[in-house]
Amino acid sequence: MTPGPDCKPRLPRGVRLKHDAVRGEWLLLAPERVIKANPVAVAVIEKCDGVRSLSEIVDDLAQAYQAPRETIERDVTKLVADLATKRMVDL
């Protein structure tokens, strides 16, 4: 499932991003599932609010990290697609 540039990804009900202060790491929590999120994944997941389109998320990140838009787009699309497959993100 490849998300299109106009999709508006969001965390589904029951899924949340949480910082574990004891371990100093970010976790994406869902019923009976936990995924450790690296800083790049956290930056993407925080923008998956159901309001911004995938294209807007890519634009925001490309500007924030001053990186080539094509590279950001490829990486964000892959991450969102992987999370959607695991039912951790709704498209």
PDB file of N, CA and C in Angstrom:
ATOM      1  N   MET A   1       0.846  -1.168   0.000  1.00  0.00           N
ATOM      2  CA  MET A   1       0.000   0.000   0.000  1.00  0.00           C
ATOM      3  C   MET A   1       0.895   1.235   0.000  1.00  0.00           C
ATOM      4  N   THR A   2       0.903   1.943  -1.108  1.00  0.00           N
ATOM      5  CA  THR A   2       1.732   3.144  -1.220  1.00  0.00           C
ATOM      6  C   THR A   2       0.849   4.375  -1.041  1.00  0.00           C
ATOM      7  N   PRO A   3       1.153   5.189  -0.029  1.00  0.00           N
ATOM      8  CA  PRO A   3       0.342   6.385   0.187  1.00  0.00           C
ATOM      9  C   PRO A   3       0.596   7.434  -0.891  1.00  0.00           C
ATOM     10  N   GLY A   4      -0.462   8.087  -1.325  1.00  0.00           N
ATOM     11  CA  GLY A   4      -0.334   9.148  -2.323  1.00  0.00           C
ATOM     12  C   GLY A   4      -0.012  10.475  -1.655  1.00  0.00           C
ATOM     13  N   PRO A   5       0.414  11.453  -2.441  1.00  0.00           N
ATOM     14  CA  PRO A   5       0.812  12.748  -1.880  1.00  0.00           C
ATOM     15  C   PRO A   5      -0.340  13.505  -1.226  1.00  0.00           C
ATOM     16  N   ASP A   6      -1.587  13.180  -1.597  1.00  0.00           N
ATOM     17  CA  ASP A   6      -2.739  13.885  -1.038  1.00  0.00           C
ATOM     18  C   ASP A   6      -3.349  13.205   0.184  1.00  0.00           C
ATOM     19  N   CYS A   7      -2.873  11.997   0.522  1.00  0.00           N
ATOM     20  CA  CYS A   7      -3.433  11.314   1.692  1.00  0.00           C
ATOM     21  C   CYS A   7      -3.045  12.092   2.946  1.00  0.00           C
ATOM     22  N   LYS A   8      -3.867  11.962   3.963  1.00  0.00           N
ATOM     23  CA  LYS A   8      -3.647  12.679   5.224  1.00  0.00           C
ATOM     24  C   LYS A   8      -3.471  11.653   6.343  1.00  0.00           C
ATOM     25  N   PRO A   9      -2.245  11.164   6.514  1.00  0.00           N
ATOM     26  CA  PRO A   9      -2.015  10.114   7.507  1.00  0.00           C
ATOM     27  C   PRO A   9      -2.280  10.600   8.930  1.00  0.00           C
ATOM     28  N   ARG A  10      -2.775   9.673   9.751  1.00  0.00           N
ATOM     29  CA  ARG A  10      -3.023   9.978  11.159  1.00  0.00           C
ATOM     30  C   ARG A  10      -2.874   8.702  11.963  1.00  0.00           C
ATOM     31  N   LEU A  11      -2.633   8.876  13.248  1.00  0.00           N
ATOM     32  CA  LEU A  11      -2.571   7.713  14.125  1.00  0.00           C
ATOM     33  C   LEU A  11      -3.992   7.249  14.392  1.00  0.00           C
ATOM     34  N   PRO A  12      -4.250   5.960  14.231  1.00  0.00           N
ATOM     35  CA  PRO A  12      -5.597   5.470  14.494  1.00  0.00           C
ATOM     36  C   PRO A  12      -5.911   5.452  15.995  1.00  0.00           C
ATOM     37  N   ARG A  13      -7.152   5.277  16.294  1.00  0.00           N
ATOM     38  CA  ARG A  13      -7.585   5.180  17.684  1.00  0.00           C
ATOM     39  C   ARG A  13      -6.816   4.053  18.378  1.00  0.00           C
ATOM     40  N   GLY A  14      -6.305   4.342  19.557  1.00  0.00           N
ATOM     41  CA  GLY A  14      -5.569   3.339  20.324  1.00  0.00           C
ATOM     42  C   GLY A  14      -4.070   3.334  20.066  1.00  0.00           C
ATOM     43  N   VAL A  15      -3.603   4.129  19.107  1.00  0.00           N
ATOM     44  CA  VAL A  15      -2.172   4.202  18.804  1.00  0.00           C
ATOM     45  C   VAL A  15      -1.677   5.583  19.231  1.00  0.00           C
ATOM     46  N   ARG A  16      -0.542   5.606  19.923  1.00  0.00           N
ATOM     47  CA  ARG A  16      -0.001   6.896  20.363  1.00  0.00           C
ATOM     48  C   ARG A  16       1.510   6.854  20.412  1.00  0.00           C
ATOM     49  N   LEU A  17       2.085   8.016  20.279  1.00  0.00           N
ATOM     50  CA  LEU A  17       3.530   8.190  20.368  1.00  0.00           C
ATOM     51  C   LEU A  17       3.838   8.651  21.785  1.00  0.00           C
ATOM     52  N   LYS A  18       4.761   7.965  22.452  1.00  0.00           N
ATOM     53  CA  LYS A  18       5.058   8.287  23.847  1.00  0.00           C
ATOM     54  C   LYS A  18       6.566   8.265  24.065  1.00  0.00           C
ATOM     55  N   HIS A  19       7.046   9.226  24.837  1.00  0.00           N
ATOM     56  CA  HIS A  19       8.459   9.246  25.189  1.00  0.00           C
ATOM     57  C   HIS A  19       8.635   8.517  26.505  1.00  0.00           C
ATOM     58  N   ASP A  20       9.490   7.508  26.525  1.00  0.00           N
ATOM     59  CA  ASP A  20       9.809   6.765  27.741  1.00  0.00           C
ATOM     60  C   ASP A  20      11.012   7.450  28.378  1.00  0.00           C
ATOM     61  N   ALA A  21      10.742   8.255  29.398  1.00  0.00           N
ATOM     62  CA  ALA A  21      11.802   9.040  30.038  1.00  0.00           C
ATOM     63  C   ALA A  21      12.834   8.155  30.724  1.00  0.00           C
ATOM     64  N   VAL A  22      12.409   7.022  31.246  1.00  0.00           N
ATOM     65  CA  VAL A  22      13.335   6.121  31.941  1.00  0.00           C
ATOM     66  C   VAL A  22      14.386   5.575  30.978  1.00  0.00           C
ATOM     67  N   ARG A  23      13.945   5.145  29.815  1.00  0.00           N
ATOM     68  CA  ARG A  23      14.869   4.576  28.824  1.00  0.00           C
ATOM     69  C   ARG A  23      15.405   5.624  27.853  1.00  0.00           C
ATOM     70  N   GLY A  24      14.791   6.803  27.863  1.00  0.00           N
ATOM     71  CA  GLY A  24      15.236   7.871  26.965  1.00  0.00           C
ATOM     72  C   GLY A  24      14.985   7.573  25.512  1.00  0.00           C
ATOM     73  N   GLU A  25      13.828   6.936  25.208  1.00  0.00           N
ATOM     74  CA  GLU A  25      13.511   6.606  23.824  1.00  0.00           C
ATOM     75  C   GLU A  25      12.029   6.846  23.540  1.00  0.00           C
ATOM     76  N   TRP A  26      11.726   7.001  22.271  1.00  0.00           N
ATOM     77  CA  TRP A  26      10.357   7.190  21.824  1.00  0.00           C
ATOM     78  C   TRP A  26       9.761   5.850  21.431  1.00  0.00           C
ATOM     79  N   LEU A  27       8.498   5.670  21.760  1.00  0.00           N
ATOM     80  CA  LEU A  27       7.799   4.430  21.446  1.00  0.00           C
ATOM     81  C   LEU A  27       6.483   4.743  20.750  1.00  0.00           C
ATOM     82  N   LEU A  28       6.146   3.957  19.760  1.00  0.00           N
ATOM     83  CA  LEU A  28       4.843   4.020  19.131  1.00  0.00           C
ATOM     84  C   LEU A  28       4.063   2.854  19.721  1.00  0.00           C
ATOM     85  N   LEU A  29       3.036   3.181  20.489  1.00  0.00           N
ATOM     86  CA  LEU A  29       2.296   2.173  21.237  1.00  0.00           C
ATOM     87  C   LEU A  29       0.946   1.897  20.598  1.00  0.00           C
ATOM     88  N   ALA A  30       0.600   0.622  20.521  1.00  0.00           N
ATOM     89  CA  ALA A  30      -0.708   0.171  20.059  1.00  0.00           C
ATOM     90  C   ALA A  30      -1.068  -1.042  20.913  1.00  0.00           C
ATOM     91  N   PRO A  31      -2.334  -1.415  20.927  1.00  0.00           N
ATOM     92  CA  PRO A  31      -2.693  -2.594  21.712  1.00  0.00           C
ATOM     93  C   PRO A  31      -1.819  -3.797  21.350  1.00  0.00           C
ATOM     94  N   GLU A  32      -1.122  -4.296  22.356  1.00  0.00           N
ATOM     95  CA  GLU A  32      -0.259  -5.480  22.240  1.00  0.00           C
ATOM     96  C   GLU A  32       0.912  -5.317  21.279  1.00  0.00           C
ATOM     97  N   ARG A  33       1.260  -4.066  20.932  1.00  0.00           N
ATOM     98  CA  ARG A  33       2.399  -3.825  20.043  1.00  0.00           C
ATOM     99  C   ARG A  33       3.166  -2.598  20.509  1.00  0.00           C
ATOM    100  N   VAL A  34       4.475  -2.652  20.347  1.00  0.00           N
ATOM    101  CA  VAL A  34       5.334  -1.515  20.655  1.00  0.00           C
ATOM    102  C   VAL A  34       6.415  -1.455  19.582  1.00  0.00           C
ATOM    103  N   ILE A  35       6.625  -0.260  19.045  1.00  0.00           N
ATOM    104  CA  ILE A  35       7.687  -0.051  18.065  1.00  0.00           C
ATOM    105  C   ILE A  35       8.562   1.084  18.578  1.00  0.00           C
ATOM    106  N   LYS A  36       9.871   0.840  18.643  1.00  0.00           N
ATOM    107  CA  LYS A  36      10.800   1.911  18.996  1.00  0.00           C
ATOM    108  C   LYS A  36      10.926   2.839  17.795  1.00  0.00           C
ATOM    109  N   ALA A  37      10.820   4.126  18.049  1.00  0.00           N
ATOM    110  CA  ALA A  37      10.887   5.109  16.963  1.00  0.00           C
ATOM    111  C   ALA A  37      12.167   5.932  17.083  1.00  0.00           C
ATOM    112  N   ASN A  38      12.936   5.962  16.006  1.00  0.00           N
ATOM    113  CA  ASN A  38      14.141   6.792  16.004  1.00  0.00           C
ATOM    114  C   ASN A  38      13.735   8.257  15.816  1.00  0.00           C
ATOM    115  N   PRO A  39      14.666   9.189  15.996  1.00  0.00           N
ATOM    116  CA  PRO A  39      14.307  10.620  15.899  1.00  0.00           C
ATOM    117  C   PRO A  39      13.673  11.028  14.566  1.00  0.00           C
ATOM    118  N   VAL A  40      14.096  10.418  13.480  1.00  0.00           N
ATOM    119  CA  VAL A  40      13.516  10.743  12.180  1.00  0.00           C
ATOM    120  C   VAL A  40      12.064  10.275  12.122  1.00  0.00           C
ATOM    121  N   ALA A  41      11.810   9.058  12.589  1.00  0.00           N
ATOM    122  CA  ALA A  41      10.443   8.533  12.609  1.00  0.00           C
ATOM    123  C   ALA A  41       9.556   9.394  13.500  1.00  0.00           C
ATOM    124  N   VAL A  42      10.073   9.837  14.637  1.00  0.00           N
ATOM    125  CA  VAL A  42       9.310  10.699  15.542  1.00  0.00           C
ATOM    126  C   VAL A  42       8.913  11.988  14.829  1.00  0.00           C
ATOM    127  N   ALA A  43       9.842  12.588  14.100  1.00  0.00           N
ATOM    128  CA  ALA A  43       9.555  13.834  13.378  1.00  0.00           C
ATOM    129  C   ALA A  43       8.421  13.631  12.371  1.00  0.00           C
ATOM    130  N   VAL A  44       8.401  12.475  11.716  1.00  0.00           N
ATOM    131  CA  VAL A  44       7.345  12.177  10.746  1.00  0.00           C
ATOM    132  C   VAL A  44       6.033  11.885  11.463  1.00  0.00           C
ATOM    133  N   ILE A  45       6.067  11.015  12.455  1.00  0.00           N
ATOM    134  CA  ILE A  45       4.850  10.596  13.154  1.00  0.00           C
ATOM    135  C   ILE A  45       4.160  11.783  13.826  1.00  0.00           C
ATOM    136  N   GLU A  46       4.935  12.692  14.384  1.00  0.00           N
ATOM    137  CA  GLU A  46       4.346  13.865  15.025  1.00  0.00           C
ATOM    138  C   GLU A  46       3.543  14.716  14.043  1.00  0.00           C
ATOM    139  N   LYS A  47       3.872  14.634  12.774  1.00  0.00           N
ATOM    140  CA  LYS A  47       3.168  15.425  11.762  1.00  0.00           C
ATOM    141  C   LYS A  47       1.973  14.682  11.165  1.00  0.00           C
ATOM    142  N   CYS A  48       1.830  13.410  11.499  1.00  0.00           N
ATOM    143  CA  CYS A  48       0.703  12.604  10.997  1.00  0.00           C
ATOM    144  C   CYS A  48      -0.531  12.884  11.859  1.00  0.00           C
ATOM    145  N   ASP A  49      -1.155  14.030  11.591  1.00  0.00           N
ATOM    146  CA  ASP A  49      -2.269  14.482  12.421  1.00  0.00           C
ATOM    147  C   ASP A  49      -3.628  14.375  11.735  1.00  0.00           C
ATOM    148  N   GLY A  50      -3.662  13.852  10.515  1.00  0.00           N
ATOM    149  CA  GLY A  50      -4.917  13.738   9.782  1.00  0.00           C
ATOM    150  C   GLY A  50      -5.344  15.044   9.131  1.00  0.00           C
ATOM    151  N   VAL A  51      -4.579  16.099   9.334  1.00  0.00           N
ATOM    152  CA  VAL A  51      -4.883  17.407   8.754  1.00  0.00           C
ATOM    153  C   VAL A  51      -3.927  17.691   7.597  1.00  0.00           C
ATOM    154  N   ARG A  52      -2.640  17.458   7.831  1.00  0.00           N
ATOM    155  CA  ARG A  52      -1.628  17.706   6.797  1.00  0.00           C
ATOM    156  C   ARG A  52      -1.573  16.543   5.815  1.00  0.00           C
ATOM    157  N   SER A  53      -1.410  16.878   4.560  1.00  0.00           N
ATOM    158  CA  SER A  53      -1.242  15.836   3.546  1.00  0.00           C
ATOM    159  C   SER A  53       0.198  15.327   3.595  1.00  0.00           C
ATOM    160  N   LEU A  54       0.421  14.192   2.986  1.00  0.00           N
ATOM    161  CA  LEU A  54       1.771  13.639   2.928  1.00  0.00           C
ATOM    162  C   LEU A  54       2.715  14.628   2.246  1.00  0.00           C
ATOM    163  N   SER A  55       2.227  15.299   1.221  1.00  0.00           N
ATOM    164  CA  SER A  55       3.035  16.283   0.510  1.00  0.00           C
ATOM    165  C   SER A  55       3.412  17.446   1.428  1.00  0.00           C
ATOM    166  N   GLU A  56       2.481  17.903   2.260  1.00  0.00           N
ATOM    167  CA  GLU A  56       2.769  18.994   3.199  1.00  0.00           C
ATOM    168  C   GLU A  56       3.777  18.553   4.256  1.00  0.00           C
ATOM    169  N   ILE A  57       3.653  17.320   4.710  1.00  0.00           N
ATOM    170  CA  ILE A  57       4.599  16.773   5.691  1.00  0.00           C
ATOM    171  C   ILE A  57       6.003  16.751   5.087  1.00  0.00           C
ATOM    172  N   VAL A  58       6.099  16.285   3.858  1.00  0.00           N
ATOM    173  CA  VAL A  58       7.393  16.236   3.170  1.00  0.00           C
ATOM    174  C   VAL A  58       7.974  17.634   3.021  1.00  0.00           C
ATOM    175  N   ASP A  59       7.147  18.580   2.622  1.00  0.00           N
ATOM    176  CA  ASP A  59       7.618  19.968   2.469  1.00  0.00           C
ATOM    177  C   ASP A  59       8.142  20.518   3.797  1.00  0.00           C
ATOM    178  N   ASP A  60       7.384  20.290   4.878  1.00  0.00           N
ATOM    179  CA  ASP A  60       7.800  20.759   6.207  1.00  0.00           C
ATOM    180  C   ASP A  60       9.151  20.174   6.605  1.00  0.00           C
ATOM    181  N   LEU A  61       9.306  18.880   6.412  1.00  0.00           N
ATOM    182  CA  LEU A  61      10.549  18.211   6.814  1.00  0.00           C
ATOM    183  C   LEU A  61      11.720  18.613   5.930  1.00  0.00           C
ATOM    184  N   ALA A  62      11.480  18.760   4.635  1.00  0.00           N
ATOM    185  CA  ALA A  62      12.555  19.178   3.718  1.00  0.00           C
ATOM    186  C   ALA A  62      13.065  20.562   4.111  1.00  0.00           C
ATOM    187  N   GLN A  63      12.157  21.436   4.504  1.00  0.00           N
ATOM    188  CA  GLN A  63      12.556  22.772   4.921  1.00  0.00           C
ATOM    189  C   GLN A  63      13.261  22.728   6.280  1.00  0.00           C
ATOM    190  N   ALA A  64      12.705  21.965   7.222  1.00  0.00           N
ATOM    191  CA  ALA A  64      13.275  21.899   8.573  1.00  0.00           C
ATOM    192  C   ALA A  64      14.681  21.309   8.570  1.00  0.00           C
ATOM    193  N   TYR A  65      14.892  20.282   7.745  1.00  0.00           N
ATOM    194  CA  TYR A  65      16.188  19.603   7.727  1.00  0.00           C
ATOM    195  C   TYR A  65      17.091  20.073   6.585  1.00  0.00           C
ATOM    196  N   GLN A  66      16.594  21.009   5.777  1.00  0.00           N
ATOM    197  CA  GLN A  66      17.347  21.527   4.639  1.00  0.00           C
ATOM    198  C   GLN A  66      17.943  20.389   3.809  1.00  0.00           C
ATOM    199  N   ALA A  67      17.066  19.441   3.486  1.00  0.00           N
ATOM    200  CA  ALA A  67      17.471  18.263   2.722  1.00  0.00           C
ATOM    201  C   ALA A  67      16.712  18.254   1.396  1.00  0.00           C
ATOM    202  N   PRO A  68      17.220  17.528   0.404  1.00  0.00           N
ATOM    203  CA  PRO A  68      16.521  17.450  -0.885  1.00  0.00           C
ATOM    204  C   PRO A  68      15.116  16.865  -0.712  1.00  0.00           C
ATOM    205  N   ARG A  69      14.125  17.523  -1.300  1.00  0.00           N
ATOM    206  CA  ARG A  69      12.743  17.092  -1.155  1.00  0.00           C
ATOM    207  C   ARG A  69      12.544  15.656  -1.642  1.00  0.00           C
ATOM    208  N   GLU A  70      13.215  15.289  -2.725  1.00  0.00           N
ATOM    209  CA  GLU A  70      13.051  13.937  -3.286  1.00  0.00           C
ATOM    210  C   GLU A  70      13.477  12.871  -2.279  1.00  0.00           C
ATOM    211  N   THR A  71      14.565  13.122  -1.569  1.00  0.00           N
ATOM    212  CA  THR A  71      15.065  12.173  -0.570  1.00  0.00           C
ATOM    213  C   THR A  71      14.086  12.061   0.590  1.00  0.00           C
ATOM    214  N   ILE A  72      13.617  13.200   1.069  1.00  0.00           N
ATOM    215  CA  ILE A  72      12.647  13.214   2.176  1.00  0.00           C
ATOM    216  C   ILE A  72      11.367  12.507   1.742  1.00  0.00           C
ATOM    217  N   GLU A  73      10.901  12.804   0.550  1.00  0.00           N
ATOM    218  CA  GLU A  73       9.657  12.198   0.055  1.00  0.00           C
ATOM    219  C   GLU A  73       9.765  10.680  -0.007  1.00  0.00           C
ATOM    220  N   ARG A  74      10.876  10.189  -0.516  1.00  0.00           N
ATOM    221  CA  ARG A  74      11.074   8.740  -0.614  1.00  0.00           C
ATOM    222  C   ARG A  74      11.056   8.100   0.775  1.00  0.00           C
ATOM    223  N   ASP A  75      11.795   8.695   1.721  1.00  0.00           N
ATOM    224  CA  ASP A  75      11.898   8.134   3.061  1.00  0.00           C
ATOM    225  C   ASP A  75      10.576   8.213   3.826  1.00  0.00           C
ATOM    226  N   VAL A  76       9.894   9.346   3.729  1.00  0.00           N
ATOM    227  CA  VAL A  76       8.617   9.525   4.443  1.00  0.00           C
ATOM    228  C   VAL A  76       7.562   8.588   3.869  1.00  0.00           C
ATOM    229  N   THR A  77       7.500   8.483   2.554  1.00  0.00           N
ATOM    230  CA  THR A  77       6.518   7.601   1.919  1.00  0.00           C
ATOM    231  C   THR A  77       6.743   6.158   2.344  1.00  0.00           C
ATOM    232  N   LYS A  78       7.995   5.731   2.385  1.00  0.00           N
ATOM    233  CA  LYS A  78       8.299   4.354   2.816  1.00  0.00           C
ATOM    234  C   LYS A  78       7.910   4.137   4.274  1.00  0.00           C
ATOM    235  N   LEU A  79       8.258   5.077   5.144  1.00  0.00           N
ATOM    236  CA  LEU A  79       7.924   4.931   6.560  1.00  0.00           C
ATOM    237  C   LEU A  79       6.418   4.884   6.765  1.00  0.00           C
ATOM    238  N   VAL A  80       5.688   5.802   6.147  1.00  0.00           N
ATOM    239  CA  VAL A  80       4.237   5.836   6.309  1.00  0.00           C
ATOM    240  C   VAL A  80       3.602   4.566   5.741  1.00  0.00           C
ATOM    241  N   ALA A  81       4.091   4.092   4.606  1.00  0.00           N
ATOM    242  CA  ALA A  81       3.576   2.847   4.024  1.00  0.00           C
ATOM    243  C   ALA A  81       3.831   1.667   4.956  1.00  0.00           C
ATOM    244  N   ASP A  82       5.027   1.583   5.527  1.00  0.00           N
ATOM    245  CA  ASP A  82       5.346   0.495   6.465  1.00  0.00           C
ATOM    246  C   ASP A  82       4.446   0.550   7.696  1.00  0.00           C
ATOM    247  N   LEU A  83       4.243   1.751   8.235  1.00  0.00           N
ATOM    248  CA  LEU A  83       3.382   1.890   9.411  1.00  0.00           C
ATOM    249  C   LEU A  83       1.923   1.589   9.077  1.00  0.00           C
ATOM    250  N   ALA A  84       1.480   1.955   7.883  1.00  0.00           N
ATOM    251  CA  ALA A  84       0.112   1.654   7.462  1.00  0.00           C
ATOM    252  C   ALA A  84      -0.084   0.146   7.337  1.00  0.00           C
ATOM    253  N   THR A  85       0.916  -0.553   6.805  1.00  0.00           N
ATOM    254  CA  THR A  85       0.842  -2.007   6.688  1.00  0.00           C
ATOM    255  C   THR A  85       0.708  -2.665   8.063  1.00  0.00           C
ATOM    256  N   LYS A  86       1.364  -2.075   9.055  1.00  0.00           N
ATOM    257  CA  LYS A  86       1.309  -2.600  10.426  1.00  0.00           C
ATOM    258  C   LYS A  86       0.101  -2.066  11.201  1.00  0.00           C
ATOM    259  N   ARG A  87      -0.742  -1.281  10.527  1.00  0.00           N
ATOM    260  CA  ARG A  87      -1.931  -0.667  11.118  1.00  0.00           C
ATOM    261  C   ARG A  87      -1.596   0.282  12.257  1.00  0.00           C
ATOM    262  N   MET A  88      -0.474   0.960  12.125  1.00  0.00           N
ATOM    263  CA  MET A  88      -0.037   1.956  13.112  1.00  0.00           C
ATOM    264  C   MET A  88      -0.331   3.357  12.609  1.00  0.00           C
ATOM    265  N   VAL A  89      -0.713   3.486  11.337  1.00  0.00           N
ATOM    266  CA  VAL A  89      -1.091   4.756  10.735  1.00  0.00           C
ATOM    267  C   VAL A  89      -2.268   4.491   9.808  1.00  0.00           C
ATOM    268  N   ASP A  90      -3.268   5.373   9.876  1.00  0.00           N
ATOM    269  CA  ASP A  90      -4.386   5.323   8.926  1.00  0.00           C
ATOM    270  C   ASP A  90      -4.117   6.305   7.804  1.00  0.00           C
ATOM    271  N   LEU A  91      -4.438   5.885   6.592  1.00  0.00           N
ATOM    272  CA  LEU A  91      -4.278   6.773   5.452  1.00  0.00           C
ATOM    273  C   LEU A  91      -5.631   7.339   5.120  1.00  0.00           C
TER     274      LEU A  91
END
